[in-house]
């Protein structure tokens, strides 16, 4: 088709989708890493791994959307751009739905932390315990006597420095304390999705106009 019709906006569009593709791959890779290291591969089809399914699903969707955006922008493929717009619109609707559901059912939202804790691997649990200064999901009693991991200890690394707060309460407190940050992140994600949708529609229109001129 010769010179690309996207121009500067097209280059920004490609960059955003390349970053989205990388984020999708990273999310998908992390989900697979958790699945393998926790030994839940055999239970994958059991229907009980809610957190893992969500992580893998989001990662796969972001990877596909980013790839379609890159291919559609580089090759100026109307088919890829239309599929991209459709998937991005679907993701935008899902994001808005999740935000509304989280606001309406805010008292039940934290029940997902139990699924998260049961499904993540020991490395992730250790990192959560270190960062939030908590131990076990409910309390240090979740671990048997003598089996408390080192991530449950403070800097002194002695028995008296074991974090007494359970990670369920610590995670809930952390989410509440960082609500403005979460709201800002959600608003930024929605803005990027809306901007990408608009940019893809403009790119699609320019490609279709160029094709009409070429045919004429």
Protein backbone atom coordinates (compact mmCIF):
# COMPACT_ATOMS: atom_id res chain seq x y z
CA UNK A 1 0.00 0.00 0.00
CA UNK A 2 3.05 2.26 0.11
CA UNK A 3 3.46 4.87 2.83
CA UNK A 4 1.65 4.12 6.06
CA UNK A 5 -1.44 6.30 6.63
CA UNK A 6 -1.21 6.41 10.43
CA UNK A 7 1.51 9.05 10.78
CA UNK A 8 2.51 10.15 14.28
CA UNK A 9 -0.76 8.93 15.83
CA UNK A 10 -0.20 5.58 14.14
CA UNK A 11 3.25 5.27 15.69
CA UNK A 12 1.88 6.06 19.15
CA UNK A 13 -0.88 3.53 18.54
CA UNK A 14 1.71 0.87 17.67
CA UNK A 15 3.78 1.71 20.75
CA UNK A 16 0.78 1.44 23.08
CA UNK A 17 -0.18 -1.91 21.63
CA UNK A 18 3.38 -3.23 21.77
CA UNK A 19 3.46 -2.33 25.48
CA UNK A 20 0.02 -3.92 25.92
CA UNK A 21 1.31 -7.09 24.24
CA UNK A 22 4.29 -7.18 26.62
CA UNK A 23 2.03 -6.67 29.65
CA UNK A 24 -0.20 -9.48 28.41
CA UNK A 25 2.75 -11.84 27.97
CA UNK A 26 4.06 -10.97 31.45
CA UNK A 27 0.62 -11.55 33.02
CA UNK A 28 0.17 -14.82 31.15
CA UNK A 29 3.69 -15.95 32.10
CA UNK A 30 3.11 -15.16 35.77
CA UNK A 31 -0.15 -17.10 35.74
CA UNK A 32 1.56 -20.13 34.19
CA UNK A 33 4.45 -19.83 36.68
CA UNK A 34 1.99 -19.85 39.60
CA UNK A 35 0.10 -22.81 38.12
CA UNK A 36 3.27 -24.88 37.67
CA UNK A 37 5.05 -24.00 40.94
CA UNK A 38 1.98 -24.65 43.10
CA UNK A 39 1.44 -28.11 41.61
CA UNK A 40 -2.10 -27.23 40.50
CA UNK A 41 -1.60 -28.31 36.88
CA UNK A 42 -3.55 -31.52 37.51
CA UNK A 43 -6.43 -29.47 38.99
CA UNK A 44 -6.56 -26.97 36.14
CA UNK A 45 -9.82 -28.37 34.75
CA UNK A 46 -11.44 -28.76 38.17
CA UNK A 47 -13.10 -25.33 37.99
CA UNK A 48 -11.82 -24.29 41.42
CA UNK A 49 -8.80 -22.14 40.51
CA UNK A 50 -10.65 -18.83 40.26
CA UNK A 51 -7.62 -16.55 40.65
CA UNK A 52 -5.51 -18.58 38.23
CA UNK A 53 -8.25 -18.65 35.60
CA UNK A 54 -8.71 -14.88 35.92
CA UNK A 55 -4.99 -14.19 35.63
CA UNK A 56 -4.54 -16.46 32.62
CA UNK A 57 -7.68 -15.12 30.96
CA UNK A 58 -6.66 -11.48 31.37
CA UNK A 59 -3.12 -12.24 30.20
CA UNK A 60 -4.33 -14.10 27.11
CA UNK A 61 -6.85 -11.39 26.24
CA UNK A 62 -4.30 -8.58 26.59
CA UNK A 63 -1.78 -10.54 24.51
CA UNK A 64 -4.28 -11.11 21.70
CA UNK A 65 -5.49 -7.49 21.74
CA UNK A 66 -1.94 -6.11 21.70
CA UNK A 67 -0.94 -8.47 18.88
CA UNK A 68 -3.99 -7.57 16.79
CA UNK A 69 -3.27 -3.88 17.34
CA UNK A 70 0.35 -4.26 16.24
CA UNK A 71 -0.53 -6.33 13.17
CA UNK A 72 -3.45 -4.09 12.27
CA UNK A 73 -1.35 -0.95 12.61
CA UNK A 74 1.73 -2.26 10.77
CA UNK A 75 -0.03 -4.13 7.97
CA UNK A 76 -2.99 -1.73 7.89
CA UNK A 77 -5.28 -4.75 8.01
CA UNK A 78 -8.94 -3.77 8.31
CA UNK A 79 -9.79 -7.29 9.54
CA UNK A 80 -7.30 -7.10 12.43
CA UNK A 81 -8.32 -3.54 13.29
CA UNK A 82 -12.01 -4.46 13.42
CA UNK A 83 -11.26 -7.49 15.63
CA UNK A 84 -9.07 -5.24 17.80
CA UNK A 85 -11.84 -2.67 18.21
CA UNK A 86 -14.34 -5.41 19.08
CA UNK A 87 -12.12 -7.03 21.73
CA UNK A 88 -11.06 -3.69 23.22
CA UNK A 89 -14.70 -2.59 23.45
CA UNK A 90 -15.55 -5.88 25.16
CA UNK A 91 -12.68 -5.39 27.62
CA UNK A 92 -13.81 -1.82 28.31
CA UNK A 93 -17.35 -3.01 29.09
CA UNK A 94 -15.96 -5.74 31.37
CA UNK A 95 -13.78 -3.20 33.22
CA UNK A 96 -16.73 -0.88 33.79
CA UNK A 97 -18.87 -3.82 34.92
CA UNK A 98 -16.20 -4.98 37.39
CA UNK A 99 -15.89 -1.44 38.76
CA UNK A 100 -19.64 -1.15 39.28
CA UNK A 101 -19.89 -4.63 40.82
CA UNK A 102 -16.99 -3.88 43.16
CA UNK A 103 -18.74 -0.72 44.34
CA UNK A 104 -22.13 -2.39 44.83
CA UNK A 105 -20.74 -5.58 46.44
CA UNK A 106 -17.84 -4.00 48.31
CA UNK A 107 -18.54 -6.07 51.44
CA UNK A 108 -18.12 -9.32 49.48
CA UNK A 109 -15.14 -8.24 47.37
CA UNK A 110 -12.56 -9.39 49.90
CA UNK A 111 -13.75 -13.00 49.77
CA UNK A 112 -11.56 -13.31 46.66
CA UNK A 113 -8.45 -12.89 48.82
CA UNK A 114 -8.96 -16.40 50.17
CA UNK A 115 -8.87 -17.83 46.64
CA UNK A 116 -5.82 -15.72 45.89
CA UNK A 117 -3.98 -16.95 49.01
CA UNK A 118 -4.79 -20.61 48.34
CA UNK A 119 -3.64 -20.47 44.72
CA UNK A 120 -0.46 -18.37 44.76
CA UNK A 121 2.90 -20.07 45.29
CA UNK A 122 5.16 -19.84 48.35
CA UNK A 123 7.36 -17.13 46.80
CA UNK A 124 4.38 -14.84 46.28
CA UNK A 125 3.10 -15.52 49.80
CA UNK A 126 6.53 -14.75 51.23
CA UNK A 127 6.64 -11.44 49.37
CA UNK A 128 3.16 -10.48 50.60
CA UNK A 129 4.12 -11.34 54.19
CA UNK A 130 7.33 -9.30 54.01
CA UNK A 131 5.73 -6.24 52.43
CA UNK A 132 2.54 -6.17 54.54
CA UNK A 133 4.19 -7.46 57.73
CA UNK A 134 1.67 -10.26 58.18
CA UNK A 135 1.81 -14.00 58.73
CA UNK A 136 -0.49 -16.70 57.44
CA UNK A 137 -3.88 -16.00 55.91
CA UNK A 138 -5.77 -15.74 59.21
CA UNK A 139 -2.87 -15.68 61.69
CA UNK A 140 0.55 -17.26 62.38
CA UNK A 141 -1.38 -20.25 63.74
CA UNK A 142 -2.04 -21.26 60.12
CA UNK A 143 1.50 -22.63 60.19
CA UNK A 144 2.33 -25.51 62.49
CA UNK A 145 4.72 -25.17 65.41
CA UNK A 146 8.27 -24.80 64.11
CA UNK A 147 7.19 -24.37 60.49
CA UNK A 148 6.68 -20.60 60.41
CA UNK A 149 8.54 -19.26 57.32
CA UNK A 150 11.28 -16.65 57.64
CA UNK A 151 9.12 -14.09 55.84
CA UNK A 152 6.91 -13.95 58.96
CA UNK A 153 9.73 -12.55 61.10
CA UNK A 154 10.73 -8.94 61.58
CA UNK A 155 14.27 -7.65 61.22
CA UNK A 156 15.28 -9.25 64.51
CA UNK A 157 14.40 -12.67 63.07
CA UNK A 158 13.54 -14.07 66.50
CA UNK A 159 10.39 -15.75 67.79
CA UNK A 160 9.19 -12.58 69.53
CA UNK A 161 9.28 -10.65 66.25
CA UNK A 162 6.75 -12.83 64.40
CA UNK A 163 4.10 -10.74 62.67
CA UNK A 164 0.83 -11.35 64.52
CA UNK A 165 -1.53 -9.88 61.94
CA UNK A 166 -3.07 -12.28 59.44
CA UNK A 167 -2.61 -11.45 55.76
CA UNK A 168 -6.37 -11.35 55.14
CA UNK A 169 -6.74 -8.33 57.41
CA UNK A 170 -3.48 -6.82 56.16
CA UNK A 171 -4.53 -7.07 52.50
CA UNK A 172 -7.93 -5.54 53.23
CA UNK A 173 -6.31 -2.67 55.13
CA UNK A 174 -3.80 -2.15 52.31
CA UNK A 175 -6.56 -1.95 49.69
CA UNK A 176 -8.61 0.49 51.82
CA UNK A 177 -5.60 2.71 52.54
CA UNK A 178 -4.67 2.84 48.84
CA UNK A 179 -8.16 3.40 47.43
CA UNK A 180 -7.19 6.73 45.76
CA UNK A 181 -4.29 4.98 44.03
CA UNK A 182 -6.51 2.13 42.82
CA UNK A 183 -9.08 4.65 41.58
CA UNK A 184 -6.36 6.57 39.72
CA UNK A 185 -4.99 3.38 38.16
CA UNK A 186 -8.46 2.28 37.06
CA UNK A 187 -9.16 5.73 35.58
CA UNK A 188 -5.82 5.65 33.74
CA UNK A 189 -6.51 2.17 32.34
CA UNK A 190 -9.97 3.24 31.15
CA UNK A 191 -8.49 6.38 29.57
CA UNK A 192 -5.86 4.36 27.69
CA UNK A 193 -8.48 1.88 26.51
CA UNK A 194 -10.82 4.63 25.31
CA UNK A 195 -7.93 6.48 23.61
CA UNK A 196 -6.77 3.26 21.94
CA UNK A 197 -10.31 2.54 20.72
CA UNK A 198 -10.63 6.02 19.25
CA UNK A 199 -7.15 5.81 17.67
CA UNK A 200 -7.94 2.41 16.15
CA UNK A 201 -11.23 3.70 14.73
CA UNK A 202 -9.40 6.68 13.17
CA UNK A 203 -6.70 4.40 11.78
CA UNK A 204 -9.32 2.05 10.35
CA UNK A 205 -11.13 4.95 8.68
CA UNK A 206 -7.87 6.25 7.14
CA UNK A 207 -6.97 2.78 5.87
CA UNK A 208 -10.43 2.28 4.34
CA UNK A 209 -10.32 5.77 2.76
CA UNK A 210 -6.86 5.02 1.29
CA UNK A 211 -8.14 1.71 -0.09
CA UNK A 212 -11.11 3.48 -1.74
CA UNK A 213 -8.77 6.03 -3.33
CA UNK A 214 -6.51 3.23 -4.55
CA UNK A 215 -9.45 1.37 -6.09
CA UNK A 216 -10.76 4.55 -7.66
